[in-house]
């Protein structure tokens, strides 16, 4: 193992760089970020399907965060809002406006 270590050629740092034969991931690459996108899509698609079923069937009132969604009009507005948000997912993910899924899950569980 010591034969695989070689000193760096940087004048400021005196650490040694060791190669162990294992593939080292790129610095700054987070494996959770690519998995967050499909999970957000699946959650949004589930909400969209639930709103679509509730909009087409005459169920009793649905209460979400203290708001009563009784009328088909409010369910239709929610359906359009979630559908519009899903259309903007590429831009939202490009600029990183959603947190990673593990951060989002911790936030939901704390509430």
PDB file of N, CA and C in Angstrom:
ATOM      1  N   UNK A   1       0.803  -1.182   0.000  1.00  0.00           N
ATOM      2  CA  UNK A   1       0.000   0.000   0.000  1.00  0.00           C
ATOM      3  C   UNK A   1       0.853   1.256   0.000  1.00  0.00           C
ATOM      4  N   UNK A   2       1.904   1.256   0.708  1.00  0.00           N
ATOM      5  CA  UNK A   2       2.733   2.457   0.746  1.00  0.00           C
ATOM      6  C   UNK A   2       3.372   2.736  -0.603  1.00  0.00           C
ATOM      7  N   UNK A   3       3.547   1.707  -1.409  1.00  0.00           N
ATOM      8  CA  UNK A   3       4.145   1.933  -2.726  1.00  0.00           C
ATOM      9  C   UNK A   3       3.181   2.645  -3.659  1.00  0.00           C
ATOM     10  N   UNK A   4       1.881   2.598  -3.353  1.00  0.00           N
ATOM     11  CA  UNK A   4       0.907   3.263  -4.211  1.00  0.00           C
ATOM     12  C   UNK A   4       0.726   4.733  -3.859  1.00  0.00           C
ATOM     13  N   UNK A   5       1.297   5.184  -2.763  1.00  0.00           N
ATOM     14  CA  UNK A   5       1.154   6.576  -2.343  1.00  0.00           C
ATOM     15  C   UNK A   5       2.276   7.415  -2.945  1.00  0.00           C
ATOM     16  N   UNK A   6       1.914   8.584  -3.393  1.00  0.00           N
ATOM     17  CA  UNK A   6       2.926   9.489  -3.926  1.00  0.00           C
ATOM     18  C   UNK A   6       2.633  10.901  -3.429  1.00  0.00           C
ATOM     19  N   UNK A   7       3.630  11.681  -3.138  1.00  0.00           N
ATOM     20  CA  UNK A   7       3.382  13.029  -2.631  1.00  0.00           C
ATOM     21  C   UNK A   7       2.860  13.937  -3.742  1.00  0.00           C
ATOM     22  N   UNK A   8       2.046  14.889  -3.364  1.00  0.00           N
ATOM     23  CA  UNK A   8       1.545  15.864  -4.333  1.00  0.00           C
ATOM     24  C   UNK A   8       2.654  16.848  -4.666  1.00  0.00           C
ATOM     25  N   UNK A   9       2.518  17.475  -5.801  1.00  0.00           N
ATOM     26  CA  UNK A   9       3.528  18.433  -6.252  1.00  0.00           C
ATOM     27  C   UNK A   9       3.138  19.870  -5.937  1.00  0.00           C
ATOM     28  N   UNK A  10       2.154  20.051  -5.037  1.00  0.00           N
ATOM     29  CA  UNK A  10       1.748  21.401  -4.678  1.00  0.00           C
ATOM     30  C   UNK A  10       2.650  21.928  -3.564  1.00  0.00           C
ATOM     31  N   UNK A  11       3.107  23.172  -3.656  1.00  0.00           N
ATOM     32  CA  UNK A  11       4.042  23.681  -2.646  1.00  0.00           C
ATOM     33  C   UNK A  11       3.381  23.933  -1.296  1.00  0.00           C
ATOM     34  N   UNK A  12       2.074  24.219  -1.255  1.00  0.00           N
ATOM     35  CA  UNK A  12       1.435  24.575   0.000  1.00  0.00           C
ATOM     36  C   UNK A  12       1.028  23.328   0.788  1.00  0.00           C
ATOM     37  N   UNK A  13       0.507  22.344   0.098  1.00  0.00           N
ATOM     38  CA  UNK A  13       0.009  21.147   0.760  1.00  0.00           C
ATOM     39  C   UNK A  13       1.092  20.085   0.855  1.00  0.00           C
ATOM     40  N   UNK A  14       1.148  19.401   1.968  1.00  0.00           N
ATOM     41  CA  UNK A  14       2.123  18.332   2.120  1.00  0.00           C
ATOM     42  C   UNK A  14       1.444  16.982   2.341  1.00  0.00           C
ATOM     43  N   UNK A  15       0.144  16.878   2.024  1.00  0.00           N
ATOM     44  CA  UNK A  15      -0.563  15.618   2.177  1.00  0.00           C
ATOM     45  C   UNK A  15      -0.157  14.656   1.072  1.00  0.00           C
ATOM     46  N   UNK A  16      -0.457  13.400   1.296  1.00  0.00           N
ATOM     47  CA  UNK A  16      -0.159  12.391   0.291  1.00  0.00           C
ATOM     48  C   UNK A  16      -1.444  11.936  -0.376  1.00  0.00           C
ATOM     49  N   UNK A  17      -1.334  11.676  -1.642  1.00  0.00           N
ATOM     50  CA  UNK A  17      -2.472  11.188  -2.407  1.00  0.00           C
ATOM     51  C   UNK A  17      -2.285   9.688  -2.606  1.00  0.00           C
ATOM     52  N   UNK A  18      -3.239   8.904  -2.141  1.00  0.00           N
ATOM     53  CA  UNK A  18      -3.138   7.456  -2.236  1.00  0.00           C
ATOM     54  C   UNK A  18      -4.188   6.933  -3.193  1.00  0.00           C
ATOM     55  N   UNK A  19      -3.797   6.041  -4.058  1.00  0.00           N
ATOM     56  CA  UNK A  19      -4.754   5.378  -4.937  1.00  0.00           C
ATOM     57  C   UNK A  19      -4.870   3.935  -4.471  1.00  0.00           C
ATOM     58  N   UNK A  20      -6.083   3.545  -4.148  1.00  0.00           N
ATOM     59  CA  UNK A  20      -6.291   2.200  -3.609  1.00  0.00           C
ATOM     60  C   UNK A  20      -6.867   1.257  -4.646  1.00  0.00           C
ATOM     61  N   UNK A  21      -7.095   1.721  -5.848  1.00  0.00           N
ATOM     62  CA  UNK A  21      -7.643   0.860  -6.875  1.00  0.00           C
ATOM     63  C   UNK A  21      -9.150   0.958  -6.975  1.00  0.00           C
ATOM     64  N   UNK A  22      -9.808   1.537  -5.969  1.00  0.00           N
ATOM     65  CA  UNK A  22     -11.249   1.718  -6.036  1.00  0.00           C
ATOM     66  C   UNK A  22     -11.556   3.001  -6.789  1.00  0.00           C
ATOM     67  N   UNK A  23     -12.700   2.976  -7.441  1.00  0.00           N
ATOM     68  CA  UNK A  23     -13.088   4.170  -8.184  1.00  0.00           C
ATOM     69  C   UNK A  23     -13.604   5.204  -7.197  1.00  0.00           C
ATOM     70  N   UNK A  24     -13.023   6.371  -7.231  1.00  0.00           N
ATOM     71  CA  UNK A  24     -13.398   7.456  -6.347  1.00  0.00           C
ATOM     72  C   UNK A  24     -14.402   8.326  -7.093  1.00  0.00           C
ATOM     73  N   UNK A  25     -15.558   8.651  -6.485  1.00  0.00           N
ATOM     74  CA  UNK A  25     -16.530   9.500  -7.185  1.00  0.00           C
ATOM     75  C   UNK A  25     -15.981  10.900  -7.405  1.00  0.00           C
ATOM     76  N   UNK A  26     -16.567  11.563  -8.348  1.00  0.00           N
ATOM     77  CA  UNK A  26     -16.133  12.925  -8.649  1.00  0.00           C
ATOM     78  C   UNK A  26     -16.409  13.818  -7.455  1.00  0.00           C
ATOM     79  N   UNK A  27     -15.494  14.741  -7.160  1.00  0.00           N
ATOM     80  CA  UNK A  27     -15.754  15.644  -6.036  1.00  0.00           C
ATOM     81  C   UNK A  27     -16.947  16.544  -6.349  1.00  0.00           C
ATOM     82  N   UNK A  28     -17.823  16.698  -5.382  1.00  0.00           N
ATOM     83  CA  UNK A  28     -18.990  17.540  -5.556  1.00  0.00           C
ATOM     84  C   UNK A  28     -20.189  16.819  -6.134  1.00  0.00           C
ATOM     85  N   UNK A  29     -20.073  15.556  -6.498  1.00  0.00           N
ATOM     86  CA  UNK A  29     -21.194  14.814  -7.063  1.00  0.00           C
ATOM     87  C   UNK A  29     -21.971  14.164  -5.933  1.00  0.00           C
ATOM     88  N   UNK A  30     -23.264  14.428  -5.890  1.00  0.00           N
ATOM     89  CA  UNK A  30     -24.124  13.886  -4.851  1.00  0.00           C
ATOM     90  C   UNK A  30     -25.045  12.853  -5.478  1.00  0.00           C
ATOM     91  N   UNK A  31     -25.046  11.635  -4.948  1.00  0.00           N
ATOM     92  CA  UNK A  31     -25.835  10.554  -5.537  1.00  0.00           C
ATOM     93  C   UNK A  31     -27.322  10.675  -5.242  1.00  0.00           C
ATOM     94  N   UNK A  32     -27.705  11.498  -4.272  1.00  0.00           N
ATOM     95  CA  UNK A  32     -29.115  11.640  -3.916  1.00  0.00           C
ATOM     96  C   UNK A  32     -29.828  12.577  -4.879  1.00  0.00           C
ATOM     97  N   UNK A  33     -29.111  13.543  -5.449  1.00  0.00           N
ATOM     98  CA  UNK A  33     -29.740  14.532  -6.317  1.00  0.00           C
ATOM     99  C   UNK A  33     -30.413  13.910  -7.539  1.00  0.00           C
ATOM    100  N   UNK A  34     -29.787  13.017  -8.296  1.00  0.00           N
ATOM    101  CA  UNK A  34     -30.513  12.422  -9.429  1.00  0.00           C
ATOM    102  C   UNK A  34     -31.699  11.568  -9.007  1.00  0.00           C
ATOM    103  N   UNK A  35     -31.694  11.025  -7.801  1.00  0.00           N
ATOM    104  CA  UNK A  35     -32.823  10.225  -7.332  1.00  0.00           C
ATOM    105  C   UNK A  35     -33.967  11.093  -6.835  1.00  0.00           C
ATOM    106  N   UNK A  36     -33.709  12.368  -6.532  1.00  0.00           N
ATOM    107  CA  UNK A  36     -34.753  13.254  -6.041  1.00  0.00           C
ATOM    108  C   UNK A  36     -35.760  13.585  -7.131  1.00  0.00           C
ATOM    109  N   UNK A  37     -35.294  13.712  -8.349  1.00  0.00           N
ATOM    110  CA  UNK A  37     -36.180  14.136  -9.434  1.00  0.00           C
ATOM    111  C   UNK A  37     -37.307  13.151  -9.708  1.00  0.00           C
ATOM    112  N   UNK A  38     -37.023  11.844  -9.865  1.00  0.00           N
ATOM    113  CA  UNK A  38     -38.155  10.940 -10.102  1.00  0.00           C
ATOM    114  C   UNK A  38     -39.074  10.798  -8.896  1.00  0.00           C
ATOM    115  N   UNK A  39     -38.544  10.954  -7.694  1.00  0.00           N
ATOM    116  CA  UNK A  39     -39.397  10.852  -6.514  1.00  0.00           C
ATOM    117  C   UNK A  39     -40.357  12.031  -6.456  1.00  0.00           C
ATOM    118  N   UNK A  40     -39.850  13.241  -6.744  1.00  0.00           N
ATOM    119  CA  UNK A  40     -40.740  14.401  -6.807  1.00  0.00           C
ATOM    120  C   UNK A  40     -41.780  14.227  -7.915  1.00  0.00           C
ATOM    121  N   UNK A  41     -41.363  13.676  -9.042  1.00  0.00           N
ATOM    122  CA  UNK A  41     -42.309  13.457 -10.137  1.00  0.00           C
ATOM    123  C   UNK A  41     -43.391  12.460  -9.725  1.00  0.00           C
ATOM    124  N   UNK A  42     -43.002  11.373  -9.063  1.00  0.00           N
ATOM    125  CA  UNK A  42     -43.980  10.373  -8.643  1.00  0.00           C
ATOM    126  C   UNK A  42     -44.943  10.933  -7.592  1.00  0.00           C
ATOM    127  N   UNK A  43     -44.435  11.727  -6.662  1.00  0.00           N
ATOM    128  CA  UNK A  43     -45.318  12.350  -5.678  1.00  0.00           C
ATOM    129  C   UNK A  43     -46.307  13.292  -6.340  1.00  0.00           C
ATOM    130  N   UNK A  44     -45.821  14.097  -7.265  1.00  0.00           N
ATOM    131  CA  UNK A  44     -46.705  15.032  -7.964  1.00  0.00           C
ATOM    132  C   UNK A  44     -47.711  14.298  -8.837  1.00  0.00           C
ATOM    133  N   UNK A  45     -47.280  13.237  -9.495  1.00  0.00           N
ATOM    134  CA  UNK A  45     -48.206  12.460 -10.321  1.00  0.00           C
ATOM    135  C   UNK A  45     -49.270  11.793  -9.458  1.00  0.00           C
ATOM    136  N   UNK A  46     -48.903  11.325  -8.277  1.00  0.00           N
ATOM    137  CA  UNK A  46     -49.887  10.746  -7.362  1.00  0.00           C
ATOM    138  C   UNK A  46     -50.904  11.771  -6.890  1.00  0.00           C
ATOM    139  N   UNK A  47     -50.435  12.981  -6.566  1.00  0.00           N
ATOM    140  CA  UNK A  47     -51.346  14.051  -6.176  1.00  0.00           C
ATOM    141  C   UNK A  47     -52.256  14.428  -7.343  1.00  0.00           C
ATOM    142  N   UNK A  48     -51.679  14.468  -8.542  1.00  0.00           N
ATOM    143  CA  UNK A  48     -52.453  14.804  -9.733  1.00  0.00           C
ATOM    144  C   UNK A  48     -53.537  13.765 -10.004  1.00  0.00           C
ATOM    145  N   UNK A  49     -53.198  12.501  -9.882  1.00  0.00           N
ATOM    146  CA  UNK A  49     -54.199  11.452 -10.079  1.00  0.00           C
ATOM    147  C   UNK A  49     -55.269  11.485  -8.992  1.00  0.00           C
ATOM    148  N   UNK A  50     -54.875  11.744  -7.765  1.00  0.00           N
ATOM    149  CA  UNK A  50     -55.844  11.853  -6.679  1.00  0.00           C
ATOM    150  C   UNK A  50     -56.804  13.011  -6.880  1.00  0.00           C
ATOM    151  N   UNK A  51     -56.280  14.163  -7.328  1.00  0.00           N
ATOM    152  CA  UNK A  51     -57.147  15.299  -7.608  1.00  0.00           C
ATOM    153  C   UNK A  51     -58.070  15.022  -8.788  1.00  0.00           C
ATOM    154  N   UNK A  52     -57.567  14.301  -9.776  1.00  0.00           N
ATOM    155  CA  UNK A  52     -58.394  13.976 -10.935  1.00  0.00           C
ATOM    156  C   UNK A  52     -59.541  13.046 -10.547  1.00  0.00           C
ATOM    157  N   UNK A  53     -59.255  12.054  -9.720  1.00  0.00           N
ATOM    158  CA  UNK A  53     -60.308  11.129  -9.263  1.00  0.00           C
ATOM    159  C   UNK A  53     -61.317  11.870  -8.387  1.00  0.00           C
ATOM    160  N   UNK A  54     -60.830  12.730  -7.489  1.00  0.00           N
ATOM    161  CA  UNK A  54     -61.729  13.494  -6.619  1.00  0.00           C
ATOM    162  C   UNK A  54     -62.557  14.486  -7.421  1.00  0.00           C
ATOM    163  N   UNK A  55     -61.989  15.009  -8.497  1.00  0.00           N
ATOM    164  CA  UNK A  55     -62.711  15.975  -9.325  1.00  0.00           C
ATOM    165  C   UNK A  55     -63.827  15.297 -10.111  1.00  0.00           C
ATOM    166  N   UNK A  56     -63.591  14.071 -10.579  1.00  0.00           N
ATOM    167  CA  UNK A  56     -64.580  13.366 -11.387  1.00  0.00           C
ATOM    168  C   UNK A  56     -65.663  12.695 -10.544  1.00  0.00           C
ATOM    169  N   UNK A  57     -65.346  12.290  -9.333  1.00  0.00           N
ATOM    170  CA  UNK A  57     -66.318  11.659  -8.452  1.00  0.00           C
ATOM    171  C   UNK A  57     -66.893  12.705  -7.505  1.00  0.00           C
ATOM    172  N   UNK A  58     -68.081  12.474  -7.036  1.00  0.00           N
ATOM    173  CA  UNK A  58     -68.693  13.420  -6.098  1.00  0.00           C
ATOM    174  C   UNK A  58     -68.451  12.926  -4.671  1.00  0.00           C
ATOM    175  N   UNK A  59     -67.276  13.202  -4.145  1.00  0.00           N
ATOM    176  CA  UNK A  59     -66.932  12.821  -2.786  1.00  0.00           C
ATOM    177  C   UNK A  59     -67.352  13.932  -1.833  1.00  0.00           C
ATOM    178  N   UNK A  60     -67.244  13.638  -0.564  1.00  0.00           N
ATOM    179  CA  UNK A  60     -67.502  14.686   0.422  1.00  0.00           C
ATOM    180  C   UNK A  60     -66.280  15.615   0.451  1.00  0.00           C
ATOM    181  N   UNK A  61     -66.326  16.551   1.350  1.00  0.00           N
ATOM    182  CA  UNK A  61     -65.268  17.566   1.406  1.00  0.00           C
ATOM    183  C   UNK A  61     -63.904  16.941   1.692  1.00  0.00           C
ATOM    184  N   UNK A  62     -62.908  17.469   1.017  1.00  0.00           N
ATOM    185  CA  UNK A  62     -61.519  17.089   1.263  1.00  0.00           C
ATOM    186  C   UNK A  62     -60.865  18.272   1.960  1.00  0.00           C
ATOM    187  N   UNK A  63     -60.252  18.038   3.117  1.00  0.00           N
ATOM    188  CA  UNK A  63     -59.617  19.126   3.856  1.00  0.00           C
ATOM    189  C   UNK A  63     -58.116  18.944   3.805  1.00  0.00           C
ATOM    190  N   UNK A  64     -57.420  19.976   3.347  1.00  0.00           N
ATOM    191  CA  UNK A  64     -55.971  19.935   3.239  1.00  0.00           C
ATOM    192  C   UNK A  64     -55.398  21.196   3.859  1.00  0.00           C
ATOM    193  N   UNK A  65     -54.619  21.037   4.917  1.00  0.00           N
ATOM    194  CA  UNK A  65     -53.992  22.138   5.639  1.00  0.00           C
ATOM    195  C   UNK A  65     -55.021  23.180   6.088  1.00  0.00           C
ATOM    196  N   UNK A  66     -56.204  22.726   6.493  1.00  0.00           N
ATOM    197  CA  UNK A  66     -57.227  23.637   6.985  1.00  0.00           C
ATOM    198  C   UNK A  66     -58.121  24.213   5.906  1.00  0.00           C
ATOM    199  N   UNK A  67     -57.842  23.963   4.652  1.00  0.00           N
ATOM    200  CA  UNK A  67     -58.680  24.454   3.556  1.00  0.00           C
ATOM    201  C   UNK A  67     -59.641  23.354   3.150  1.00  0.00           C
ATOM    202  N   UNK A  68     -60.896  23.683   3.056  1.00  0.00           N
ATOM    203  CA  UNK A  68     -61.884  22.710   2.624  1.00  0.00           C
ATOM    204  C   UNK A  68     -62.026  22.782   1.107  1.00  0.00           C
ATOM    205  N   UNK A  69     -61.745  21.663   0.472  1.00  0.00           N
ATOM    206  CA  UNK A  69     -61.846  21.579  -0.984  1.00  0.00           C
ATOM    207  C   UNK A  69     -63.113  20.804  -1.327  1.00  0.00           C
ATOM    208  N   UNK A  70     -64.243  21.473  -1.214  1.00  0.00           N
ATOM    209  CA  UNK A  70     -65.519  20.795  -1.427  1.00  0.00           C
ATOM    210  C   UNK A  70     -66.012  20.924  -2.859  1.00  0.00           C
ATOM    211  N   UNK A  71     -65.745  22.048  -3.456  1.00  0.00           N
ATOM    212  CA  UNK A  71     -66.337  22.282  -4.765  1.00  0.00           C
ATOM    213  C   UNK A  71     -65.477  21.666  -5.868  1.00  0.00           C
ATOM    214  N   UNK A  72     -66.103  21.240  -6.942  1.00  0.00           N
ATOM    215  CA  UNK A  72     -65.332  20.745  -8.081  1.00  0.00           C
ATOM    216  C   UNK A  72     -64.437  21.825  -8.682  1.00  0.00           C
ATOM    217  N   UNK A  73     -64.830  23.089  -8.496  1.00  0.00           N
ATOM    218  CA  UNK A  73     -64.017  24.188  -9.023  1.00  0.00           C
ATOM    219  C   UNK A  73     -62.670  24.265  -8.310  1.00  0.00           C
ATOM    220  N   UNK A  74     -62.676  24.134  -6.976  1.00  0.00           N
ATOM    221  CA  UNK A  74     -61.409  24.204  -6.236  1.00  0.00           C
ATOM    222  C   UNK A  74     -60.533  22.991  -6.546  1.00  0.00           C
ATOM    223  N   UNK A  75     -61.147  21.825  -6.722  1.00  0.00           N
ATOM    224  CA  UNK A  75     -60.370  20.646  -7.119  1.00  0.00           C
ATOM    225  C   UNK A  75     -59.796  20.811  -8.518  1.00  0.00           C
ATOM    226  N   UNK A  76     -60.576  21.449  -9.395  1.00  0.00           N
ATOM    227  CA  UNK A  76     -60.086  21.695 -10.749  1.00  0.00           C
ATOM    228  C   UNK A  76     -58.917  22.675 -10.745  1.00  0.00           C
ATOM    229  N   UNK A  77     -59.001  23.713  -9.895  1.00  0.00           N
ATOM    230  CA  UNK A  77     -57.883  24.664  -9.780  1.00  0.00           C
ATOM    231  C   UNK A  77     -56.631  23.981  -9.234  1.00  0.00           C
ATOM    232  N   UNK A  78     -56.803  23.105  -8.257  1.00  0.00           N
ATOM    233  CA  UNK A  78     -55.658  22.356  -7.728  1.00  0.00           C
ATOM    234  C   UNK A  78     -55.053  21.443  -8.773  1.00  0.00           C
ATOM    235  N   UNK A  79     -55.902  20.811  -9.567  1.00  0.00           N
ATOM    236  CA  UNK A  79     -55.440  19.937 -10.642  1.00  0.00           C
ATOM    237  C   UNK A  79     -54.607  20.723 -11.655  1.00  0.00           C
ATOM    238  N   UNK A  80     -55.114  21.880 -12.046  1.00  0.00           N
ATOM    239  CA  UNK A  80     -54.385  22.713 -13.025  1.00  0.00           C
ATOM    240  C   UNK A  80     -53.074  23.230 -12.425  1.00  0.00           C
ATOM    241  N   UNK A  81     -53.082  23.573 -11.131  1.00  0.00           N
ATOM    242  CA  UNK A  81     -51.860  24.083 -10.493  1.00  0.00           C
ATOM    243  C   UNK A  81     -50.774  23.003 -10.438  1.00  0.00           C
ATOM    244  N   UNK A  82     -51.153  21.779 -10.064  1.00  0.00           N
ATOM    245  CA  UNK A  82     -50.163  20.692  -9.995  1.00  0.00           C
ATOM    246  C   UNK A  82     -49.683  20.328 -11.401  1.00  0.00           C
ATOM    247  N   UNK A  83     -50.586  20.328 -12.361  1.00  0.00           N
ATOM    248  CA  UNK A  83     -50.205  20.019 -13.742  1.00  0.00           C
ATOM    249  C   UNK A  83     -49.239  21.073 -14.292  1.00  0.00           C
ATOM    250  N   UNK A  84     -49.491  22.343 -13.984  1.00  0.00           N
ATOM    251  CA  UNK A  84     -48.597  23.419 -14.428  1.00  0.00           C
ATOM    252  C   UNK A  84     -47.235  23.301 -13.754  1.00  0.00           C
ATOM    253  N   UNK A  85     -47.232  22.960 -12.460  1.00  0.00           N
ATOM    254  CA  UNK A  85     -45.957  22.787 -11.752  1.00  0.00           C
ATOM    255  C   UNK A  85     -45.152  21.648 -12.368  1.00  0.00           C
ATOM    256  N   UNK A  86     -45.847  20.570 -12.755  1.00  0.00           N
ATOM    257  CA  UNK A  86     -45.142  19.438 -13.367  1.00  0.00           C
ATOM    258  C   UNK A  86     -44.569  19.809 -14.730  1.00  0.00           C
ATOM    259  N   UNK A  87     -45.231  20.713 -15.441  1.00  0.00           N
ATOM    260  CA  UNK A  87     -44.700  21.147 -16.735  1.00  0.00           C
ATOM    261  C   UNK A  87     -43.427  21.970 -16.560  1.00  0.00           C
ATOM    262  N   UNK A  88     -43.292  22.649 -15.418  1.00  0.00           N
ATOM    263  CA  UNK A  88     -42.107  23.459 -15.155  1.00  0.00           C
ATOM    264  C   UNK A  88     -41.024  22.703 -14.393  1.00  0.00           C
ATOM    265  N   UNK A  89     -41.193  21.393 -14.200  1.00  0.00           N
ATOM    266  CA  UNK A  89     -40.181  20.606 -13.501  1.00  0.00           C
ATOM    267  C   UNK A  89     -38.778  20.729 -14.105  1.00  0.00           C
ATOM    268  N   UNK A  90     -38.610  20.690 -15.431  1.00  0.00           N
ATOM    269  CA  UNK A  90     -37.230  20.821 -15.943  1.00  0.00           C
ATOM    270  C   UNK A  90     -36.552  22.120 -15.519  1.00  0.00           C
ATOM    271  N   UNK A  91     -37.279  23.218 -15.522  1.00  0.00           N
ATOM    272  CA  UNK A  91     -36.696  24.504 -15.111  1.00  0.00           C
ATOM    273  C   UNK A  91     -36.457  24.516 -13.601  1.00  0.00           C
ATOM    274  N   UNK A  92     -37.408  23.968 -12.854  1.00  0.00           N
ATOM    275  CA  UNK A  92     -37.272  23.934 -11.392  1.00  0.00           C
ATOM    276  C   UNK A  92     -36.057  23.094 -10.993  1.00  0.00           C
ATOM    277  N   UNK A  93     -35.870  21.957 -11.650  1.00  0.00           N
ATOM    278  CA  UNK A  93     -34.722  21.110 -11.333  1.00  0.00           C
ATOM    279  C   UNK A  93     -33.420  21.706 -11.855  1.00  0.00           C
ATOM    280  N   UNK A  94     -33.487  22.428 -12.966  1.00  0.00           N
ATOM    281  CA  UNK A  94     -32.284  23.054 -13.507  1.00  0.00           C
ATOM    282  C   UNK A  94     -31.701  24.057 -12.535  1.00  0.00           C
ATOM    283  N   UNK A  95     -32.557  24.858 -11.920  1.00  0.00           N
ATOM    284  CA  UNK A  95     -32.083  25.879 -10.990  1.00  0.00           C
ATOM    285  C   UNK A  95     -32.032  25.393  -9.547  1.00  0.00           C
ATOM    286  N   UNK A  96     -32.416  24.150  -9.287  1.00  0.00           N
ATOM    287  CA  UNK A  96     -32.320  23.579  -7.954  1.00  0.00           C
ATOM    288  C   UNK A  96     -33.259  24.206  -6.945  1.00  0.00           C
ATOM    289  N   UNK A  97     -34.497  24.464  -7.349  1.00  0.00           N
ATOM    290  CA  UNK A  97     -35.442  25.133  -6.466  1.00  0.00           C
ATOM    291  C   UNK A  97     -36.112  24.187  -5.471  1.00  0.00           C
ATOM    292  N   UNK A  98     -36.045  22.890  -5.694  1.00  0.00           N
ATOM    293  CA  UNK A  98     -36.565  21.911  -4.739  1.00  0.00           C
ATOM    294  C   UNK A  98     -35.410  21.376  -3.903  1.00  0.00           C
ATOM    295  N   UNK A  99     -35.645  21.136  -2.608  1.00  0.00           N
ATOM    296  CA  UNK A  99     -34.579  20.507  -1.818  1.00  0.00           C
ATOM    297  C   UNK A  99     -34.445  19.031  -2.192  1.00  0.00           C
ATOM    298  N   UNK A 100     -33.381  18.422  -1.747  1.00  0.00           N
ATOM    299  CA  UNK A 100     -33.227  16.990  -1.984  1.00  0.00           C
ATOM    300  C   UNK A 100     -34.293  16.244  -1.204  1.00  0.00           C
ATOM    301  N   UNK A 101     -34.582  15.032  -1.622  1.00  0.00           N
ATOM    302  CA  UNK A 101     -35.679  14.274  -1.032  1.00  0.00           C
ATOM    303  C   UNK A 101     -35.429  13.998   0.443  1.00  0.00           C
ATOM    304  N   UNK A 102     -34.195  13.708   0.823  1.00  0.00           N
ATOM    305  CA  UNK A 102     -33.936  13.426   2.237  1.00  0.00           C
ATOM    306  C   UNK A 102     -34.165  14.667   3.098  1.00  0.00           C
ATOM    307  N   UNK A 103     -33.816  15.848   2.608  1.00  0.00           N
ATOM    308  CA  UNK A 103     -34.071  17.090   3.335  1.00  0.00           C
ATOM    309  C   UNK A 103     -35.565  17.361   3.413  1.00  0.00           C
ATOM    310  N   UNK A 104     -36.271  17.133   2.315  1.00  0.00           N
ATOM    311  CA  UNK A 104     -37.716  17.328   2.287  1.00  0.00           C
ATOM    312  C   UNK A 104     -38.414  16.364   3.249  1.00  0.00           C
ATOM    313  N   UNK A 105     -37.971  15.116   3.274  1.00  0.00           N
ATOM    314  CA  UNK A 105     -38.569  14.120   4.166  1.00  0.00           C
ATOM    315  C   UNK A 105     -38.323  14.472   5.633  1.00  0.00           C
ATOM    316  N   UNK A 106     -37.119  14.939   5.956  1.00  0.00           N
ATOM    317  CA  UNK A 106     -36.838  15.370   7.328  1.00  0.00           C
ATOM    318  C   UNK A 106     -37.714  16.550   7.724  1.00  0.00           C
ATOM    319  N   UNK A 107     -37.919  17.480   6.799  1.00  0.00           N
ATOM    320  CA  UNK A 107     -38.768  18.635   7.083  1.00  0.00           C
ATOM    321  C   UNK A 107     -40.207  18.197   7.329  1.00  0.00           C
ATOM    322  N   UNK A 108     -40.720  17.281   6.508  1.00  0.00           N
ATOM    323  CA  UNK A 108     -42.092  16.794   6.677  1.00  0.00           C
ATOM    324  C   UNK A 108     -42.242  16.034   7.989  1.00  0.00           C
ATOM    325  N   UNK A 109     -41.250  15.217   8.327  1.00  0.00           N
ATOM    326  CA  UNK A 109     -41.337  14.446   9.564  1.00  0.00           C
ATOM    327  C   UNK A 109     -41.209  15.322  10.818  1.00  0.00           C
ATOM    328  N   UNK A 110     -40.497  16.452  10.708  1.00  0.00           N
ATOM    329  CA  UNK A 110     -40.393  17.361  11.843  1.00  0.00           C
ATOM    330  C   UNK A 110     -41.714  18.070  12.101  1.00  0.00           C
ATOM    331  N   UNK A 111     -42.495  18.273  11.072  1.00  0.00           N
ATOM    332  CA  UNK A 111     -43.773  18.966  11.231  1.00  0.00           C
ATOM    333  C   UNK A 111     -44.751  18.008  11.829  1.00  0.00           C
TER     334      UNK A 111
END
